[in-house]
Amino acid sequence: MRYLARGDFSGLLRRLKWYQEEHKHIKLRHRLVNDGGRIWGILCTPHTFFIANAIADRLAKHGINSEIMAGSPDDFDYVFYIVLCPQMFKVLPPAEKRAVFQLEQSISSRWFTNDYIKILCDSVATIDYSRVNIEFLAAKGVEYPKIHYVPIGAVYGSVDEKKTREYDFVFYGDSLSCERRRYFLEKLKRKYRVKICNNVFGDEMYSIIRRAKAVINIHYYEGALLETPRISECISLGIPVLSEGSRDQGEYPEFEGAVRFFDQGSVESMMSAAADMLGDIDAIGETVRRTIMKSSDRFNFMLDRFLVALGAIPVEAILTNSPYIERPSSCFALSLPEAVERRKAIERVLPERFQLFDGIRHSSAWIGCGGSFKALSRYARSNGLKRLAIIEDDIILPENFNELLCEVDQYLERRVAHWDLFSGLMADVCSSAKVYSVETYGSRTYVTIDRMTSMVCNIYNESALALLSDWNPSNTEISTNTIDRYLERQESLRVVVCLPFLVGYNVEATSTLWGFNNSRYIPMIKKAEKKIEIMANDWLQRRGGVVN
């Protein structure tokens, strides 16, 4: 009714579409959970067997059996299917019974026909390994929440360190139809023992790779994205990779050390990097083993994240393991890589102390949000962290945010009274909230109250981390169990909030929880800030002071 009252018909349609998709997910989740056989089909092509096996292994960890098929079966009797490279199959499972794994590179338009885009749109879900692809697909209507980011990773494989290394480098893929690949390989062959394999797959290919010191990876296209499936496959066998650089190579920090890059399009850079790599080949082994673990951890977490969003496994399943964290940190920015514009916005302003965390997804987005905070709090506690700072990607940061955050840290360090969390912005203040103290430090007034509502920018003390860890995702009462309302209803909470608020809120962003524009929160935030100021003044006046 509010949409109609203000004439926002497009907003109403978006909202109705959001609820329609949410209802579809609920039906799908019910079907997957109540499937007695728990058998899925995985359709793949010969060059994607590695990915199919990695998916099957992870499904098995969750009690889901699967059958890998190199072609379409006569009947699609299984409850659900994952289809790798769906454009390669003449017959696909019914749209409501399939998720498709999109593995083409968006820099080449030859695969992205209208028919192919329709396959992606009609499927229950589309998975993609590249954020560059995800941005490209969003412009074609394949966007969040339809799309899911699952970067390909290594798997714990059989590393044979005693194998005789017959070749300096192995290349496998299609060199016959690619002149630029043949040009690079001819230059490399003049100095090194190079084995070139076309149309070789599976165990035969693995046997050849294991007999090489390294694999050489050369792009099919100029300006191509990183061929992460091939790289992950090689690393899983314990073999390092010399790869042509790409614009998205920074998306895979877990490959560091096991993958050496040379400048895109440069034979001279390739030859120099090849000499350096072979000269250091004996020392790379331990790096490769560490890379396998990190890459595998990332793949497992991101695939679990997809399975939770699909409804195939409960959110508790992803929370029993440690989340994938790129590097140790006590400061995180919570964001969804599939929400393209919001992700790009936070990346542009990410404070130097903060690390991006790919938030957990769920068909009820607020449960995924709560799961993300629970996962990070459990990470902090298991690693002995006493505090954790978390911001969300719809935050607006002041230019001097780092200085202000240092000031907040200093205040919290010198503070004598107990506190549970610091809030940099509040969207609401409970009518029964009461003030415990008001103090001025540096450029801000710090008010301690017993209620909070907002997760945009908070610092969680040890006691609050324990509360976040105890949040129950099985409680689906939305009015009381969203993560901020859960914290709000805790007894004897001590919440420190500063005036004016430390950060702002991006009104242009669309809520990934509720599917509407964030502008509706602005009056609420202003009202909350004014209310806290009035409460603080009342408290001070009773003691002879006033908030400026």
Protein backbone atom coordinates (compact mmCIF):
# COMPACT_ATOMS: atom_id res chain seq x y z
CA MET A 1 0.00 0.00 0.00
CA ARG A 2 2.90 2.37 0.73
CA TYR A 3 4.37 1.70 -2.73
CA LEU A 4 0.99 2.51 -4.32
CA ALA A 5 0.51 5.61 -2.16
CA ARG A 6 3.76 7.15 -3.40
CA GLY A 7 3.23 5.95 -6.99
CA ASP A 8 6.28 3.67 -6.97
CA PHE A 9 4.87 0.97 -9.26
CA SER A 10 8.29 -0.30 -10.39
CA GLY A 11 9.30 -0.64 -6.74
CA LEU A 12 6.12 -2.61 -6.05
CA LEU A 13 6.83 -4.95 -8.97
CA ARG A 14 10.39 -5.52 -7.74
CA ARG A 15 9.07 -6.27 -4.27
CA LEU A 16 6.47 -8.73 -5.57
CA LYS A 17 9.13 -10.43 -7.73
CA TRP A 18 11.36 -10.71 -4.66
CA TYR A 19 8.65 -12.48 -2.67
CA GLN A 20 7.83 -14.70 -5.65
CA GLU A 21 11.46 -15.86 -5.88
CA GLU A 22 11.57 -16.36 -2.11
CA HIS A 23 8.45 -18.56 -2.31
CA LYS A 24 10.09 -20.63 -5.09
CA HIS A 25 13.12 -21.17 -2.89
CA ILE A 26 10.96 -22.31 0.01
CA LYS A 27 9.28 -24.91 -2.22
CA LEU A 28 12.64 -26.06 -3.59
CA ARG A 29 14.16 -26.33 -0.12
CA HIS A 30 11.22 -28.42 1.03
CA ARG A 31 11.69 -30.76 -1.95
CA LEU A 32 15.44 -31.12 -1.40
CA VAL A 33 15.18 -31.66 2.35
CA ASN A 34 12.43 -34.25 2.01
CA ASP A 35 14.16 -36.23 -0.73
CA GLY A 36 14.67 -39.68 0.78
CA GLY A 37 17.28 -40.87 -1.74
CA ARG A 38 19.48 -37.77 -1.61
CA ILE A 39 20.99 -38.49 -5.02
CA TRP A 40 21.89 -35.70 -7.41
CA GLY A 41 23.02 -35.84 -11.01
CA ILE A 42 26.10 -33.93 -12.18
CA LEU A 43 26.26 -33.42 -15.95
CA CYS A 44 29.68 -32.45 -17.31
CA THR A 45 31.93 -32.46 -20.35
CA PRO A 46 35.28 -34.34 -20.42
CA HIS A 47 37.31 -31.17 -19.73
CA THR A 48 35.23 -30.41 -16.60
CA PHE A 49 35.52 -33.82 -14.89
CA PHE A 50 37.83 -32.26 -12.32
CA ILE A 51 35.17 -29.76 -11.24
CA ALA A 52 32.44 -32.41 -11.28
CA ASN A 53 34.49 -34.65 -9.00
CA ALA A 54 35.25 -31.77 -6.64
CA ILE A 55 31.52 -31.00 -6.37
CA ALA A 56 30.63 -34.67 -5.88
CA ASP A 57 33.21 -35.03 -3.09
CA ARG A 58 31.79 -32.02 -1.27
CA LEU A 59 28.19 -33.18 -1.68
CA ALA A 60 29.20 -36.52 -0.16
CA LYS A 61 30.48 -34.68 2.94
CA HIS A 62 26.91 -33.52 3.46
CA GLY A 63 25.36 -36.94 2.88
CA ILE A 64 24.28 -36.22 -0.69
CA ASN A 65 25.19 -38.98 -3.14
CA SER A 66 25.68 -38.08 -6.77
CA GLU A 67 26.24 -39.58 -10.20
CA ILE A 68 28.59 -37.89 -12.65
CA MET A 69 27.37 -38.15 -16.26
CA ALA A 70 29.22 -37.13 -19.43
CA GLY A 71 25.93 -36.89 -21.36
CA SER A 72 22.25 -36.38 -20.79
CA PRO A 73 20.44 -39.47 -19.45
CA ASP A 74 17.22 -40.82 -20.95
CA ASP A 75 15.27 -39.69 -17.88
CA PHE A 76 15.91 -37.02 -15.28
CA ASP A 77 14.75 -39.02 -12.29
CA TYR A 78 17.03 -37.56 -9.63
CA VAL A 79 15.70 -34.83 -7.37
CA PHE A 80 18.23 -32.25 -8.57
CA TYR A 81 21.00 -31.71 -11.12
CA ILE A 82 24.09 -29.53 -11.44
CA VAL A 83 25.01 -28.97 -15.09
CA LEU A 84 28.52 -27.82 -16.01
CA CYS A 85 28.76 -25.98 -19.34
CA PRO A 86 24.99 -26.28 -20.02
CA GLN A 87 25.34 -24.94 -23.56
CA MET A 88 27.14 -28.17 -24.51
CA PHE A 89 24.06 -30.36 -23.86
CA LYS A 90 21.23 -30.78 -26.33
CA VAL A 91 18.83 -31.92 -23.60
CA LEU A 92 18.85 -30.40 -20.09
CA PRO A 93 17.06 -31.36 -16.89
CA PRO A 94 13.81 -29.45 -16.25
CA ALA A 95 14.50 -25.85 -15.22
CA GLU A 96 13.06 -26.34 -11.72
CA LYS A 97 15.40 -29.31 -11.14
CA ARG A 98 18.71 -27.81 -12.19
CA ALA A 99 21.45 -25.39 -11.26
CA VAL A 100 23.87 -24.56 -14.08
CA PHE A 101 27.59 -23.86 -13.70
CA GLN A 102 28.55 -21.17 -16.22
CA LEU A 103 32.22 -21.71 -17.17
CA GLU A 104 32.69 -19.56 -20.28
CA GLN A 105 34.64 -16.31 -20.31
CA SER A 106 32.56 -13.19 -20.80
CA ILE A 107 35.33 -11.53 -22.82
CA SER A 108 34.18 -13.69 -25.76
CA SER A 109 30.57 -13.21 -26.85
CA ARG A 110 30.32 -16.32 -28.99
CA TRP A 111 28.65 -18.43 -26.27
CA PHE A 112 26.41 -15.74 -24.79
CA THR A 113 23.52 -16.04 -27.21
CA ASN A 114 19.94 -15.24 -26.31
CA ASP A 115 19.23 -18.96 -26.00
CA TYR A 116 22.12 -19.43 -23.59
CA ILE A 117 21.07 -16.48 -21.44
CA LYS A 118 17.56 -17.93 -21.31
CA ILE A 119 18.98 -21.24 -20.01
CA LEU A 120 20.76 -19.33 -17.23
CA CYS A 121 17.69 -17.25 -16.37
CA ASP A 122 15.27 -20.18 -16.37
CA SER A 123 17.38 -22.40 -14.11
CA VAL A 124 16.87 -22.44 -10.35
CA ALA A 125 20.36 -21.02 -9.92
CA THR A 126 23.38 -20.03 -11.99
CA ILE A 127 26.87 -20.59 -10.59
CA ASP A 128 29.88 -18.72 -11.92
CA TYR A 129 33.58 -18.91 -11.02
CA SER A 130 34.45 -15.30 -11.95
CA ARG A 131 33.29 -11.97 -10.55
CA VAL A 132 34.04 -10.38 -13.93
CA ASN A 133 31.56 -12.81 -15.48
CA ILE A 134 29.04 -12.09 -12.73
CA GLU A 135 29.11 -8.37 -13.50
CA PHE A 136 28.71 -9.12 -17.21
CA LEU A 137 25.76 -11.44 -16.60
CA ALA A 138 24.05 -8.96 -14.27
CA ALA A 139 23.78 -6.55 -17.18
CA LYS A 140 21.96 -9.30 -19.09
CA GLY A 141 19.45 -9.98 -16.30
CA VAL A 142 21.22 -12.95 -14.67
CA GLU A 143 21.77 -11.22 -11.35
CA TYR A 144 21.54 -11.58 -7.58
CA PRO A 145 19.82 -13.53 -6.08
CA LYS A 146 19.81 -15.85 -9.13
CA ILE A 147 23.60 -15.94 -9.45
CA HIS A 148 26.10 -17.57 -7.07
CA TYR A 149 29.86 -17.06 -6.89
CA VAL A 150 31.87 -20.28 -6.50
CA PRO A 151 35.53 -19.81 -7.49
CA ILE A 152 37.11 -23.10 -8.55
CA GLY A 153 39.65 -24.42 -6.06
CA ALA A 154 42.15 -27.19 -5.58
CA VAL A 155 41.21 -30.46 -3.91
CA TYR A 156 43.25 -32.67 -1.64
CA GLY A 157 44.73 -35.05 -4.20
CA SER A 158 47.49 -37.57 -4.61
CA VAL A 159 50.76 -35.65 -4.77
CA ASP A 160 53.50 -37.91 -6.13
CA GLU A 161 56.81 -36.24 -5.28
CA LYS A 162 58.90 -39.25 -6.41
CA LYS A 163 57.72 -39.13 -10.01
CA THR A 164 60.46 -38.62 -12.61
CA ARG A 165 60.15 -35.19 -14.16
CA GLU A 166 60.49 -35.84 -17.89
CA TYR A 167 59.34 -32.39 -18.96
CA ASP A 168 60.13 -28.87 -17.84
CA PHE A 169 56.63 -27.73 -18.80
CA VAL A 170 53.39 -29.35 -19.90
CA PHE A 171 50.70 -27.48 -21.80
CA TYR A 172 47.24 -28.96 -22.14
CA GLY A 173 44.20 -27.48 -23.73
CA ASP A 174 43.50 -26.34 -27.27
CA SER A 175 46.60 -25.09 -29.05
CA LEU A 176 45.63 -26.35 -32.51
CA SER A 177 43.03 -23.61 -33.12
CA CYS A 178 44.84 -20.83 -31.26
CA GLU A 179 47.69 -19.06 -33.02
CA ARG A 180 48.75 -17.00 -29.98
CA ARG A 181 49.18 -20.17 -27.89
CA ARG A 182 51.26 -21.83 -30.63
CA TYR A 183 53.45 -18.72 -30.86
CA PHE A 184 54.22 -18.71 -27.12
CA LEU A 185 54.80 -22.47 -27.01
CA GLU A 186 57.20 -22.40 -29.95
CA LYS A 187 59.32 -19.80 -28.14
CA LEU A 188 59.27 -21.85 -24.94
CA LYS A 189 60.23 -25.09 -26.76
CA ARG A 190 63.44 -23.53 -28.08
CA LYS A 191 64.91 -23.59 -24.57
CA TYR A 192 62.90 -26.08 -22.50
CA ARG A 193 61.44 -29.58 -22.70
CA VAL A 194 57.77 -28.86 -23.39
CA LYS A 195 55.02 -31.46 -23.74
CA ILE A 196 51.93 -30.22 -25.62
CA CYS A 197 48.66 -32.13 -25.17
CA ASN A 198 45.48 -31.58 -27.15
CA ASN A 199 42.26 -33.53 -26.48
CA VAL A 200 43.75 -35.53 -23.61
CA PHE A 201 41.66 -35.87 -20.44
CA GLY A 202 41.30 -37.70 -17.14
CA ASP A 203 43.88 -40.17 -15.79
CA GLU A 204 45.94 -40.07 -18.99
CA MET A 205 46.30 -36.30 -18.63
CA TYR A 206 47.07 -36.53 -14.92
CA SER A 207 49.84 -39.05 -15.59
CA ILE A 208 51.50 -36.62 -18.00
CA ILE A 209 51.10 -33.63 -15.66
CA ARG A 210 52.75 -35.56 -12.81
CA ARG A 211 55.82 -36.10 -15.00
CA ALA A 212 56.35 -32.34 -15.42
CA LYS A 213 58.19 -29.81 -13.27
CA ALA A 214 55.46 -27.25 -14.00
CA VAL A 215 52.45 -26.53 -16.19
CA ILE A 216 52.42 -23.58 -18.58
CA ASN A 217 49.10 -21.74 -18.89
CA ILE A 218 48.58 -19.44 -21.89
CA HIS A 219 45.33 -17.63 -22.61
CA TYR A 220 43.24 -18.56 -25.63
CA TYR A 221 42.12 -14.93 -25.97
CA GLU A 222 44.04 -11.70 -25.60
CA GLY A 223 42.90 -10.13 -22.32
CA ALA A 224 41.36 -13.36 -21.04
CA LEU A 225 40.37 -14.13 -17.47
CA LEU A 226 42.43 -16.52 -15.37
CA GLU A 227 41.81 -20.17 -16.24
CA THR A 228 41.20 -21.21 -12.62
CA PRO A 229 39.79 -24.69 -13.40
CA ARG A 230 43.02 -25.70 -15.18
CA ILE A 231 45.24 -24.08 -12.54
CA SER A 232 43.34 -25.72 -9.66
CA GLU A 233 43.53 -29.10 -11.37
CA CYS A 234 47.31 -28.88 -11.67
CA ILE A 235 47.89 -27.62 -8.14
CA SER A 236 45.76 -30.49 -6.81
CA LEU A 237 48.33 -32.86 -8.33
CA GLY A 238 51.17 -31.01 -6.59
CA ILE A 239 52.42 -29.32 -9.76
CA PRO A 240 53.03 -25.54 -9.82
CA VAL A 241 51.83 -23.37 -12.70
CA LEU A 242 53.46 -20.66 -14.76
CA SER A 243 50.56 -18.57 -16.04
CA GLU A 244 50.05 -15.62 -18.29
CA GLY A 245 48.77 -12.76 -16.16
CA SER A 246 45.15 -11.58 -16.17
CA ARG A 247 43.20 -8.62 -14.90
CA ASP A 248 41.38 -10.78 -12.34
CA GLN A 249 44.38 -12.67 -10.93
CA GLY A 250 44.08 -10.64 -7.72
CA GLU A 251 40.78 -12.44 -7.04
CA TYR A 252 42.75 -15.58 -6.15
CA PRO A 253 45.25 -14.73 -3.39
CA GLU A 254 45.20 -18.38 -2.28
CA PHE A 255 47.23 -19.24 -5.43
CA GLU A 256 50.16 -17.10 -4.30
CA GLY A 257 53.47 -18.94 -4.53
CA ALA A 258 52.16 -22.00 -6.35
CA VAL A 259 51.32 -19.91 -9.41
CA ARG A 260 53.89 -17.60 -10.96
CA PHE A 261 52.66 -14.98 -13.42
CA PHE A 262 54.28 -13.38 -16.45
CA ASP A 263 53.12 -10.23 -18.20
CA GLN A 264 50.17 -10.72 -20.50
CA GLY A 265 51.21 -10.93 -24.15
CA SER A 266 54.96 -10.82 -23.41
CA VAL A 267 57.23 -13.66 -24.59
CA GLU A 268 60.21 -11.98 -22.91
CA SER A 269 58.41 -11.92 -19.57
CA MET A 270 57.41 -15.58 -20.01
CA MET A 271 60.99 -16.68 -20.69
CA SER A 272 62.32 -14.74 -17.71
CA ALA A 273 59.61 -16.11 -15.38
CA ALA A 274 60.22 -19.66 -16.67
CA ALA A 275 63.93 -19.44 -15.83
CA ASP A 276 63.19 -18.08 -12.35
CA MET A 277 60.58 -20.75 -11.69
CA LEU A 278 62.71 -23.70 -12.75
CA GLY A 279 65.63 -22.32 -10.78
CA ASP A 280 63.42 -22.31 -7.67
CA ILE A 281 61.42 -25.47 -8.42
CA ASP A 282 62.66 -27.53 -5.45
CA ALA A 283 61.54 -24.88 -2.96
CA ILE A 284 58.05 -24.52 -4.45
CA GLY A 285 56.81 -27.92 -3.22
CA GLU A 286 55.93 -26.81 0.30
CA THR A 287 54.23 -23.69 -1.09
CA VAL A 288 52.08 -25.86 -3.35
CA ARG A 289 50.96 -27.97 -0.39
CA ARG A 290 49.90 -24.85 1.53
CA THR A 291 48.13 -23.55 -1.57
CA ILE A 292 46.18 -26.80 -1.93
CA MET A 293 44.88 -26.41 1.63
CA LYS A 294 43.92 -22.73 1.26
CA SER A 295 42.38 -23.15 -2.18
CA SER A 296 40.45 -26.23 -1.08
CA ASP A 297 39.18 -24.43 2.02
CA ARG A 298 37.91 -21.55 -0.09
CA PHE A 299 36.18 -23.80 -2.61
CA ASN A 300 34.53 -25.88 0.12
CA PHE A 301 33.27 -22.79 1.95
CA MET A 302 31.90 -21.15 -1.20
CA LEU A 303 30.23 -24.34 -2.43
CA ASP A 304 28.69 -24.88 1.03
CA ARG A 305 27.54 -21.27 0.87
CA PHE A 306 25.74 -22.07 -2.41
CA LEU A 307 24.19 -25.24 -0.97
CA VAL A 308 22.86 -23.29 2.02
CA ALA A 309 21.38 -20.64 -0.28
CA LEU A 310 19.80 -23.38 -2.39
CA GLY A 311 18.31 -25.00 0.71
CA ALA A 312 20.08 -28.33 0.17
CA ILE A 313 21.86 -28.16 3.55
CA PRO A 314 20.92 -26.25 6.72
CA VAL A 315 22.82 -23.10 7.65
CA GLU A 316 24.15 -24.98 10.69
CA ALA A 317 26.17 -27.17 8.29
CA ILE A 318 28.35 -24.27 7.18
CA LEU A 319 28.65 -22.93 10.72
CA THR A 320 30.16 -26.14 12.12
CA ASN A 321 33.40 -25.46 10.19
CA SER A 322 35.63 -22.41 10.25
CA PRO A 323 34.71 -19.90 7.54
CA TYR A 324 37.24 -19.18 4.81
CA ILE A 325 39.36 -16.22 5.91
CA GLU A 326 42.03 -15.02 3.49
CA ARG A 327 44.38 -13.80 6.23
CA PRO A 328 44.14 -13.35 10.02
CA SER A 329 42.25 -10.19 10.94
CA SER A 330 40.07 -8.60 13.59
CA CYS A 331 38.31 -6.21 11.17
CA PHE A 332 35.90 -7.35 8.46
CA ALA A 333 33.60 -5.83 5.85
CA LEU A 334 30.58 -8.06 5.29
CA SER A 335 29.53 -8.18 1.64
CA LEU A 336 28.02 -10.46 -1.01
CA PRO A 337 30.23 -10.82 -4.11
CA GLU A 338 27.09 -11.40 -6.21
CA ALA A 339 25.63 -7.99 -5.29
CA VAL A 340 27.80 -6.29 -7.91
CA GLU A 341 27.27 -2.59 -7.25
CA ARG A 342 27.37 -2.90 -3.47
CA ARG A 343 30.56 -4.95 -3.65
CA LYS A 344 32.25 -2.44 -5.95
CA ALA A 345 31.18 0.41 -3.67
CA ILE A 346 32.79 -1.09 -0.55
CA GLU A 347 35.93 -2.11 -2.47
CA ARG A 348 36.47 1.51 -3.51
CA VAL A 349 36.54 2.73 0.10
CA LEU A 350 37.61 -0.36 2.07
CA PRO A 351 39.62 0.83 5.10
CA GLU A 352 43.16 -0.53 5.23
CA ARG A 353 42.54 -2.53 8.41
CA PHE A 354 39.49 -4.32 7.01
CA GLN A 355 39.21 -7.54 5.04
CA LEU A 356 36.23 -8.47 2.86
CA PHE A 357 34.16 -11.43 4.00
CA ASP A 358 31.82 -13.20 1.57
CA GLY A 359 28.61 -13.29 3.56
CA ILE A 360 26.61 -16.48 3.98
CA ARG A 361 23.46 -16.65 1.85
CA HIS A 362 20.08 -18.17 2.65
CA SER A 363 16.70 -18.11 0.93
CA SER A 364 15.59 -16.04 3.94
CA ALA A 365 18.31 -13.43 3.59
CA TRP A 366 18.14 -12.29 7.22
CA ILE A 367 19.10 -15.82 8.31
CA GLY A 368 22.13 -15.69 6.03
CA CYS A 369 23.03 -12.31 7.54
CA GLY A 370 22.79 -13.69 11.07
CA GLY A 371 24.80 -16.73 10.02
CA SER A 372 27.57 -14.45 8.73
CA PHE A 373 27.89 -12.67 12.08
CA LYS A 374 27.79 -16.00 13.91
CA ALA A 375 30.53 -17.41 11.65
CA LEU A 376 32.79 -14.40 12.17
CA SER A 377 32.24 -14.39 15.93
CA ARG A 378 33.10 -18.07 16.12
CA TYR A 379 36.23 -17.39 14.07
CA ALA A 380 37.22 -14.62 16.48
CA ARG A 381 36.68 -16.74 19.59
CA SER A 382 38.48 -19.79 18.20
CA ASN A 383 41.46 -17.58 17.38
CA GLY A 384 41.59 -15.87 20.77
CA LEU A 385 40.43 -12.42 19.58
CA LYS A 386 38.99 -10.22 22.31
CA ARG A 387 37.28 -7.80 19.92
CA LEU A 388 35.92 -7.85 16.40
CA ALA A 389 35.00 -4.89 14.19
CA ILE A 390 32.47 -5.56 11.42
CA ILE A 391 31.08 -3.10 8.88
CA GLU A 392 28.48 -3.77 6.19
CA ASP A 393 28.82 -2.81 2.54
CA ASP A 394 26.03 -0.21 2.57
CA ILE A 395 28.06 1.96 4.93
CA ILE A 396 29.16 5.50 4.07
CA LEU A 397 32.56 6.23 5.58
CA PRO A 398 33.81 9.71 6.49
CA GLU A 399 37.12 10.67 4.87
CA ASN A 400 38.91 10.50 8.22
CA PHE A 401 37.35 7.17 9.21
CA ASN A 402 40.69 5.56 10.13
CA GLU A 403 41.51 8.43 12.49
CA LEU A 404 38.05 8.33 14.04
CA LEU A 405 38.26 4.57 14.49
CA CYS A 406 41.59 4.98 16.29
CA GLU A 407 39.92 7.54 18.55
CA VAL A 408 37.09 5.10 19.28
CA ASP A 409 39.64 2.37 20.05
CA GLN A 410 41.44 4.70 22.44
CA TYR A 411 38.22 5.57 24.22
CA LEU A 412 37.22 1.94 24.59
CA GLU A 413 40.71 1.06 25.89
CA ARG A 414 40.65 3.74 28.59
CA ARG A 415 37.05 3.11 29.54
CA VAL A 416 36.67 1.64 33.03
CA ALA A 417 33.04 0.52 32.91
CA HIS A 418 32.11 -2.72 31.18
CA TRP A 419 30.77 -2.55 27.62
CA ASP A 420 29.44 -5.21 25.23
CA LEU A 421 29.53 -3.48 21.87
CA PHE A 422 30.19 -0.16 20.22
CA SER A 423 27.74 1.03 17.56
CA GLY A 424 28.74 3.54 14.90
CA LEU A 425 25.15 4.02 13.69
CA MET A 426 21.67 3.08 14.90
CA ALA A 427 18.54 2.66 12.81
CA ASP A 428 16.16 2.53 15.77
CA VAL A 429 16.09 2.97 19.53
CA CYS A 430 13.72 0.99 21.70
CA SER A 431 11.21 3.17 23.58
CA SER A 432 12.26 1.53 26.85
CA ALA A 433 15.99 2.15 26.34
CA LYS A 434 17.82 3.81 29.21
CA VAL A 435 21.12 5.66 29.55
CA TYR A 436 23.91 4.42 31.81
CA SER A 437 26.58 7.06 31.12
CA VAL A 438 27.58 10.00 28.92
CA GLU A 439 31.22 10.92 28.30
CA THR A 440 33.08 13.22 25.92
CA TYR A 441 36.35 12.06 24.41
CA GLY A 442 38.14 13.63 21.45
CA SER A 443 35.64 14.77 18.82
CA ARG A 444 32.69 12.66 19.99
CA THR A 445 30.25 12.22 22.83
CA TYR A 446 29.92 8.58 23.92
CA VAL A 447 26.56 7.49 25.29
CA THR A 448 26.10 4.08 26.92
CA ILE A 449 22.58 2.63 26.64
CA ASP A 450 21.03 -0.80 27.09
CA ARG A 451 19.58 -1.32 23.59
CA MET A 452 20.78 -1.37 19.98
CA THR A 453 19.40 -1.90 16.46
CA SER A 454 21.79 -1.87 13.51
CA MET A 455 24.71 -3.92 12.28
CA VAL A 456 26.13 -1.38 9.82
CA CYS A 457 29.22 -0.54 11.89
CA ASN A 458 29.89 -2.23 15.23
CA ILE A 459 32.78 -3.30 17.43
CA TYR A 460 31.99 -6.42 19.46
CA ASN A 461 33.60 -7.00 22.82
CA GLU A 462 34.24 -10.51 24.15
CA SER A 463 30.82 -10.75 25.78
CA ALA A 464 29.03 -9.70 22.57
CA LEU A 465 31.02 -12.23 20.56
CA ALA A 466 29.68 -14.92 22.89
CA LEU A 467 26.14 -13.67 22.26
CA LEU A 468 26.63 -13.71 18.48
CA SER A 469 28.03 -17.24 18.70
CA ASP A 470 24.87 -18.35 20.53
CA TRP A 471 22.46 -16.95 17.92
CA ASN A 472 20.11 -19.72 16.78
CA PRO A 473 19.45 -19.84 12.99
CA SER A 474 16.69 -22.41 13.53
CA ASN A 475 14.53 -19.75 15.20
CA THR A 476 12.65 -18.32 12.20
CA GLU A 477 10.67 -15.70 14.15
CA ILE A 478 11.61 -12.69 12.03
CA SER A 479 10.26 -10.05 14.42
CA THR A 480 12.62 -11.08 17.24
CA ASN A 481 15.46 -13.12 15.73
CA THR A 482 17.04 -10.96 13.05
CA ILE A 483 20.57 -10.57 14.35
CA ASP A 484 20.12 -6.97 15.52
CA ARG A 485 16.74 -7.65 17.17
CA TYR A 486 18.30 -10.70 18.84
CA LEU A 487 20.98 -8.46 20.36
CA GLU A 488 18.43 -5.79 21.22
CA ARG A 489 16.40 -8.15 23.41
CA GLN A 490 19.39 -9.26 25.50
CA GLU A 491 19.13 -8.29 29.17
CA SER A 492 21.64 -5.88 30.73
CA LEU A 493 23.35 -5.06 27.45
CA ARG A 494 25.88 -2.20 27.51
CA VAL A 495 25.97 -0.47 24.13
CA VAL A 496 28.31 2.46 23.50
CA VAL A 497 27.14 4.77 20.74
CA CYS A 498 28.79 8.05 19.71
CA LEU A 499 27.20 11.37 18.80
CA PRO A 500 27.20 12.33 16.05
CA PHE A 501 27.06 8.84 14.58
CA LEU A 502 30.45 7.63 13.34
CA VAL A 503 29.31 6.60 9.84
CA GLY A 504 26.53 7.18 7.35
CA TYR A 505 24.21 4.94 5.38
CA ASN A 506 24.08 4.49 1.61
CA VAL A 507 20.53 5.33 0.57
CA GLU A 508 21.21 4.40 -3.07
CA ALA A 509 21.90 0.75 -2.23
CA THR A 510 19.19 -1.89 -2.51
CA SER A 511 18.77 -4.04 0.57
CA THR A 512 20.05 -7.59 -0.01
CA LEU A 513 17.90 -8.68 2.94
CA TRP A 514 14.54 -7.19 2.04
CA GLY A 515 14.78 -6.23 -1.64
CA PHE A 516 13.84 -2.55 -1.29
CA ASN A 517 15.76 0.70 -1.53
CA ASN A 518 17.60 1.76 1.62
CA SER A 519 16.19 5.30 1.50
CA ARG A 520 13.35 4.27 3.82
CA TYR A 521 15.91 3.95 6.66
CA ILE A 522 17.14 7.55 6.54
CA PRO A 523 14.26 9.09 8.54
CA MET A 524 14.60 6.23 11.05
CA ILE A 525 18.34 6.87 11.50
CA LYS A 526 17.85 10.62 11.97
CA LYS A 527 15.10 9.95 14.47
CA ALA A 528 17.28 7.47 16.36
CA GLU A 529 20.21 9.91 16.53
CA LYS A 530 17.96 12.71 17.79
CA LYS A 531 16.36 10.44 20.37
CA ILE A 532 19.75 9.35 21.76
CA GLU A 533 20.81 13.02 21.95
CA ILE A 534 17.66 13.86 23.92
CA MET A 535 18.18 10.89 26.22
CA ALA A 536 21.81 11.92 26.80
CA ASN A 537 20.81 15.54 27.54
CA ASP A 538 18.18 14.40 30.00
CA TRP A 539 20.76 12.23 31.75
CA LEU A 540 23.31 15.07 31.88
CA GLN A 541 20.79 17.68 33.01
CA ARG A 542 19.99 15.57 36.00
CA ARG A 543 23.71 15.84 36.73
CA GLY A 544 24.21 19.45 35.67
CA GLY A 545 25.60 19.01 32.10
CA VAL A 546 24.47 19.06 28.45
CA VAL A 547 25.41 17.46 25.12
CA ASN A 548 26.75 20.03 22.63
